[in-house]
Protein backbone atom coordinates (compact mmCIF):
# COMPACT_ATOMS: atom_id res chain seq x y z
CA UNK A 1 6.42 10.07 16.13
CA UNK A 2 8.78 13.32 15.02
CA UNK A 3 11.07 11.15 13.50
CA UNK A 4 8.34 9.74 11.45
CA UNK A 5 6.61 12.66 10.52
CA UNK A 6 10.12 14.18 9.37
CA UNK A 7 10.72 10.94 7.09
CA UNK A 8 7.38 11.41 5.50
CA UNK A 9 7.86 15.24 4.64
CA UNK A 10 10.94 14.34 3.20
CA UNK A 11 10.39 11.18 1.46
CA UNK A 12 6.91 13.48 -0.27
CA UNK A 13 9.58 16.62 -0.75
CA UNK A 14 11.65 13.92 -3.08
CA UNK A 15 8.80 12.90 -4.71
CA UNK A 16 7.47 16.40 -5.76
CA UNK A 17 10.97 17.65 -6.74
CA UNK A 18 11.87 14.41 -9.13
CA UNK A 19 8.30 14.80 -10.66
CA UNK A 20 8.72 18.41 -11.32
CA UNK A 21 11.97 17.78 -12.94
CA UNK A 22 10.24 14.99 -14.90
CA UNK A 23 7.56 16.96 -16.55
CA UNK A 24 10.34 19.97 -16.97
CA UNK A 25 12.12 17.45 -19.08
CA UNK A 26 8.82 16.43 -20.92
CA UNK A 27 8.31 20.18 -21.92
CA UNK A 28 5.00 20.09 -19.96
CA UNK A 29 3.98 23.52 -18.77
CA UNK A 30 0.50 24.70 -17.97
CA UNK A 31 -2.47 22.76 -19.20
CA UNK A 32 -4.78 25.37 -19.27
CA UNK A 33 -4.13 27.74 -22.27
CA UNK A 34 -5.64 31.17 -23.95
CA UNK A 35 -7.80 28.48 -26.27
CA UNK A 36 -8.96 26.50 -23.52
CA UNK A 37 -8.12 23.46 -21.64
CA UNK A 38 -5.46 21.18 -23.17
CA UNK A 39 -6.38 17.73 -22.72
CA UNK A 40 -3.12 15.95 -24.12
CA UNK A 41 -0.88 18.08 -21.86
CA UNK A 42 -3.41 17.44 -18.98
CA UNK A 43 -3.49 13.78 -19.67
CA UNK A 44 0.40 13.49 -19.66
CA UNK A 45 1.01 15.77 -16.60
CA UNK A 46 -1.52 13.58 -14.74
CA UNK A 47 -0.13 10.19 -15.75
CA UNK A 48 3.43 11.49 -14.62
CA UNK A 49 2.13 12.66 -11.17
CA UNK A 50 0.00 9.45 -10.66
CA UNK A 51 2.73 6.93 -12.00
CA UNK A 52 6.14 8.52 -10.84
CA UNK A 53 4.54 9.19 -7.45
CA UNK A 54 3.49 5.94 -6.82
CA UNK A 55 6.97 4.08 -7.99
CA UNK A 56 8.97 6.38 -6.34
CA UNK A 57 7.09 5.31 -3.11
CA UNK A 58 7.48 1.75 -4.15
CA UNK A 59 11.36 2.18 -4.91
CA UNK A 60 11.46 3.89 -0.93
CA UNK A 61 9.33 1.34 0.54
CA UNK A 62 11.96 -0.79 1.79
CA UNK A 63 13.87 2.18 3.45
CA UNK A 64 10.85 3.51 4.78
CA UNK A 65 9.40 0.38 6.77
CA UNK A 66 12.69 -0.14 8.01
CA UNK A 67 13.15 3.59 9.18
CA UNK A 68 9.64 4.24 10.39
CA UNK A 69 9.02 0.73 11.86
CA UNK A 70 12.71 0.18 13.32
CA UNK A 71 12.82 -2.58 11.73
CA UNK A 72 16.35 -4.70 12.65
CA UNK A 73 17.24 -6.93 9.98
CA UNK A 74 18.62 -10.40 11.07
CA UNK A 75 21.93 -11.31 9.47
CA UNK A 76 21.54 -14.98 8.07
CA UNK A 77 24.92 -15.96 9.07
CA UNK A 78 24.67 -14.60 12.50
CA UNK A 79 21.62 -15.30 13.74
CA UNK A 80 20.90 -17.72 16.34
CA UNK A 81 17.44 -18.95 18.09
CA UNK A 82 14.22 -17.50 17.25
CA UNK A 83 16.20 -15.25 14.89
CA UNK A 84 17.57 -18.09 12.75
CA UNK A 85 14.25 -19.75 12.72
CA UNK A 86 12.83 -16.93 11.48
CA UNK A 87 15.28 -16.40 8.35
CA UNK A 88 15.31 -20.24 7.75
CA UNK A 89 11.59 -20.42 7.85
CA UNK A 90 10.99 -17.29 5.51
CA UNK A 91 13.72 -18.32 3.02
CA UNK A 92 12.27 -22.12 2.89
CA UNK A 93 8.92 -20.70 2.04
CA UNK A 94 10.76 -18.44 -0.42
CA UNK A 95 12.41 -21.41 -2.17
CA UNK A 96 9.19 -23.36 -2.35
CA UNK A 97 7.22 -20.12 -3.89
CA UNK A 98 10.02 -20.17 -6.78
CA UNK A 99 11.63 -17.04 -5.84
CA UNK A 100 15.34 -16.87 -6.62
CA UNK A 101 16.18 -14.09 -4.60
CA UNK A 102 15.62 -14.50 -0.50
CA UNK A 103 14.09 -11.71 1.27
CA UNK A 104 15.38 -9.69 4.26
CA UNK A 105 14.02 -10.93 7.39
CA UNK A 106 13.51 -8.44 10.07
CA UNK A 107 11.74 -7.82 13.42
CA UNK A 108 10.71 -4.50 15.37
CA UNK A 109 9.33 -3.58 18.42
CA UNK A 110 5.65 -3.68 18.90
CA UNK A 111 2.88 -5.45 21.21
CA UNK A 112 0.63 -5.57 18.18
CA UNK A 113 0.23 -8.91 16.41
CA UNK A 114 1.36 -7.98 13.03
CA UNK A 115 3.93 -8.62 10.13
CA UNK A 116 4.25 -7.34 6.77
CA UNK A 117 6.14 -7.75 3.45
CA UNK A 118 7.16 -4.65 1.26
CA UNK A 119 9.96 -4.05 -1.44
CA UNK A 120 10.04 -2.85 -4.84
CA UNK A 121 10.01 -6.34 -6.43
CA UNK A 122 10.08 -10.01 -5.77
CA UNK A 123 13.57 -10.28 -5.80
CA UNK A 124 14.15 -7.13 -3.34
CA UNK A 125 11.86 -7.65 -0.91
CA UNK A 126 11.61 -7.49 3.05
CA UNK A 127 9.64 -9.62 5.43
CA UNK A 128 9.09 -8.32 8.81
CA UNK A 129 7.43 -9.33 12.13
CA UNK A 130 6.66 -7.62 15.41
CA UNK A 131 7.82 -8.66 18.75
CA UNK A 132 4.24 -9.09 19.73
CA UNK A 133 3.44 -11.63 17.00
CA UNK A 134 6.38 -13.48 18.02
CA UNK A 135 5.33 -13.78 21.69
CA UNK A 136 1.72 -14.38 21.06
CA UNK A 137 2.07 -17.08 18.49
CA UNK A 138 3.50 -20.60 18.35
CA UNK A 139 5.78 -21.93 15.69
CA UNK A 140 3.04 -23.23 13.69
CA UNK A 141 0.77 -20.37 13.53
CA UNK A 142 4.04 -17.70 12.89
CA UNK A 143 4.84 -20.22 9.89
CA UNK A 144 1.43 -19.58 8.66
CA UNK A 145 1.76 -15.79 8.72
CA UNK A 146 5.38 -15.87 7.04
CA UNK A 147 3.68 -18.20 4.48
CA UNK A 148 1.06 -15.28 3.87
CA UNK A 149 3.75 -12.58 3.58
CA UNK A 150 5.66 -14.85 1.28
CA UNK A 151 2.93 -15.41 -1.07
CA UNK A 152 2.45 -11.50 -1.22
CA UNK A 153 5.99 -11.23 -2.51
CA UNK A 154 5.54 -14.35 -5.03
CA UNK A 155 2.30 -12.74 -6.32
CA UNK A 156 3.81 -9.61 -7.31
CA UNK A 157 1.29 -7.76 -5.07
CA UNK A 158 3.41 -4.94 -3.89
CA UNK A 159 4.12 -3.87 -7.74
CA UNK A 160 0.80 -4.54 -8.76
CA UNK A 161 -0.68 -2.53 -6.37
CA UNK A 162 1.69 0.18 -7.31
CA UNK A 163 0.48 0.18 -10.90
CA UNK A 164 -3.46 0.46 -9.80
CA UNK A 165 -2.91 3.10 -7.29
CA UNK A 166 -0.85 4.79 -10.01
CA UNK A 167 -3.45 4.67 -12.70
CA UNK A 168 -6.09 5.55 -9.98
CA UNK A 169 -4.30 8.73 -9.00
CA UNK A 170 -4.08 9.76 -12.82
CA UNK A 171 -7.58 9.61 -13.13
CA UNK A 172 -8.43 11.18 -9.94
CA UNK A 173 -6.03 14.18 -11.20
CA UNK A 174 -7.46 14.28 -14.73
CA UNK A 175 -11.39 14.11 -13.91
CA UNK A 176 -10.86 16.87 -10.79
CA UNK A 177 -9.29 19.09 -13.27
CA UNK A 178 -11.74 18.72 -16.49
CA UNK A 179 -14.49 18.94 -14.09
CA UNK A 180 -13.37 21.62 -12.19
CA UNK A 181 -12.59 23.86 -15.39
CA UNK A 182 -15.74 22.90 -16.82
CA UNK A 183 -17.86 24.42 -13.71
CA UNK A 184 -15.71 27.36 -13.45
CA UNK A 185 -16.32 28.07 -16.95
CA UNK A 186 -20.07 27.95 -16.81
CA UNK A 187 -19.82 30.25 -13.71
CA UNK A 188 -18.34 32.85 -15.40
CA UNK A 189 -20.13 35.61 -16.55
CA UNK A 190 -20.50 36.35 -20.33
CA UNK A 191 -19.24 40.26 -19.54
CA UNK A 192 -16.14 39.13 -17.89
CA UNK A 193 -12.88 39.97 -19.35
CA UNK A 194 -10.33 38.97 -16.87
CA UNK A 195 -10.10 35.58 -18.44
CA UNK A 196 -10.03 32.28 -16.74
CA UNK A 197 -11.46 32.15 -12.84
CA UNK A 198 -8.23 30.55 -11.80
CA UNK A 199 -9.17 31.29 -8.13
CA UNK A 200 -12.51 29.28 -8.41
CA UNK A 201 -10.89 26.51 -10.31
CA UNK A 202 -8.40 25.83 -7.77
CA UNK A 203 -10.76 25.67 -5.14
CA UNK A 204 -13.13 23.38 -7.28
CA UNK A 205 -9.48 21.06 -8.02
CA UNK A 206 -8.87 20.86 -4.22
CA UNK A 207 -12.66 19.70 -3.77
CA UNK A 208 -12.81 17.26 -6.24
CA UNK A 209 -9.35 15.95 -5.87
CA UNK A 210 -10.65 15.00 -2.34
CA UNK A 211 -14.04 13.76 -3.61
CA UNK A 212 -12.64 11.43 -6.39
CA UNK A 213 -9.61 10.25 -3.74
CA UNK A 214 -12.08 8.88 -1.43
CA UNK A 215 -14.15 7.14 -4.46
CA UNK A 216 -10.58 5.45 -5.82
CA UNK A 217 -9.52 4.32 -2.46
CA UNK A 218 -12.53 2.11 -2.62
CA UNK A 219 -11.53 0.41 -5.93
CA UNK A 220 -7.95 0.33 -4.50
CA UNK A 221 -9.42 -1.36 -1.18
CA UNK A 222 -11.61 -3.56 -2.89
CA UNK A 223 -8.52 -5.00 -5.10
CA UNK A 224 -6.43 -4.93 -2.06
CA UNK A 225 -8.97 -7.41 -0.16
CA UNK A 226 -8.92 -9.61 -3.59
CA UNK A 227 -5.12 -9.92 -2.89
CA UNK A 228 -5.36 -11.12 0.52
CA UNK A 229 -7.66 -14.08 -0.22
CA UNK A 230 -5.01 -14.96 -2.78
CA UNK A 231 -2.40 -14.46 -0.07
CA UNK A 232 -4.22 -16.48 2.28
CA UNK A 233 -4.33 -19.41 -0.28
CA UNK A 234 -0.56 -19.03 -0.98
CA UNK A 235 -0.17 -19.23 2.54
CA UNK A 236 -1.75 -22.30 2.65
CA UNK A 237 -0.16 -23.97 -0.26
CA UNK A 238 3.41 -22.91 1.03
CA UNK A 239 2.92 -23.64 5.10
CA UNK A 240 -0.09 -25.81 5.01
CA UNK A 241 -3.97 -25.16 5.25
CA UNK A 242 -4.08 -25.72 8.91
CA UNK A 243 -1.07 -23.35 9.81
CA UNK A 244 -2.65 -20.49 8.00
CA UNK A 245 -5.96 -21.13 9.31
CA UNK A 246 -4.76 -21.09 12.81
CA UNK A 247 -2.83 -18.22 12.31
CA UNK A 248 -5.91 -16.27 11.38
CA UNK A 249 -8.08 -17.67 14.28
CA UNK A 250 -5.31 -16.92 16.51
CA UNK A 251 -5.44 -13.43 15.37
CA UNK A 252 -8.96 -12.87 15.30
CA UNK A 253 -8.93 -14.17 18.91
CA UNK A 254 -6.20 -11.34 19.72
CA UNK A 255 -8.18 -8.68 17.65
CA UNK A 256 -11.40 -9.32 20.27
CA UNK A 257 -9.62 -8.51 23.13
CA UNK A 258 -7.61 -5.04 22.00
CA UNK A 259 -8.29 -1.95 20.33
CA UNK A 260 -7.10 -2.66 16.72
CA UNK A 261 -7.14 0.62 15.63
CA UNK A 262 -3.23 1.73 15.57
CA UNK A 263 -1.74 2.67 12.01
CA UNK A 264 0.96 -0.03 10.78
CA UNK A 265 1.99 -1.41 7.99
CA UNK A 266 -0.40 -4.19 8.33
CA UNK A 267 -1.00 -7.38 6.00
CA UNK A 268 -2.78 -9.39 8.76
CA UNK A 269 -5.06 -6.88 9.95
CA UNK A 270 -9.14 -7.27 10.95
CA UNK A 271 -10.81 -5.15 8.83
CA UNK A 272 -14.18 -3.14 10.10
CA UNK A 273 -17.22 -4.69 10.41
CA UNK A 274 -19.18 -1.45 9.27
CA UNK A 275 -21.03 -1.70 6.35
CA UNK A 276 -19.83 1.76 4.95
CA UNK A 277 -16.35 1.53 6.55
CA UNK A 278 -15.86 -1.89 4.96
CA UNK A 279 -15.95 -0.48 1.41
CA UNK A 280 -12.47 1.43 2.18
CA UNK A 281 -10.81 -1.80 4.18
CA UNK A 282 -7.71 -2.98 2.72
CA UNK A 283 -8.28 -6.75 3.96
CA UNK A 284 -11.48 -8.72 4.31
CA UNK A 285 -13.06 -9.81 7.71
CA UNK A 286 -11.23 -12.68 9.66
CA UNK A 287 -14.17 -14.74 9.45
CA UNK A 288 -14.50 -14.84 5.83
CA UNK A 289 -11.02 -15.15 5.50
CA UNK A 290 -10.91 -18.54 7.72
CA UNK A 291 -14.05 -19.88 5.84
CA UNK A 292 -12.71 -19.57 2.55
CA UNK A 293 -9.37 -21.57 3.78
CA UNK A 294 -11.74 -24.05 5.56
CA UNK A 295 -13.28 -24.59 1.97
CA UNK A 296 -9.72 -24.24 -0.01
């Protein structure tokens, strides 16, 4: 746990330093001037912070996953038994999906039935599965899961989600600062000669950053649910519809028996059934995913 926290802090420090350097090179300083709010400078400031931060996270995604999850990468030239099966299956599915560079394949120790795909591009990706998944699913179900993950890579979901998150981040930063500035100016008394009330503005920025981030996460989650349906369909085409349905049914059976709230890089997670929390869920209910595939 301590290792993951340290890794998270170091990564965020790297992001902050990198973005600060980029803004300095662009000549972007404060966006509040004596004449008022400089919207052009603010827009550049928010766009750089939003997009650069997201893409740095994308570029570090494989490295972060390996360290945070303890993923053991399988060497295709030395793999035997179950490890060889995993590599061969992922590579076969990847070739079927039209990938020219084969993803890295790995596994990690966890009782959870889980798998994920990550990486900065289609040609630089990682597919990893938990030992819990390997022990609780048969070979057909595992192939269905792997087809789903390879479909994520083939669809370019990692880059697409990064672009969307970057745009949302930029809008959140821009709107929160504009609204905060307007409210702080309206609250300033006419006879105040101390200049812009920075304290009020900064407090409001934090409040609106949180509020707009929550609203933005609903948009991101909605698109994420859509891409899960696409990955299910892609997995059905690559591995076979019956294998994909069987994998989801096995996952559904498992999640009905255990508490499924542990944090992870989940790609096969069941979503919360609460109407409100469902808005923030990145994955649709398994019942809906199974029903769609049965009509596929």
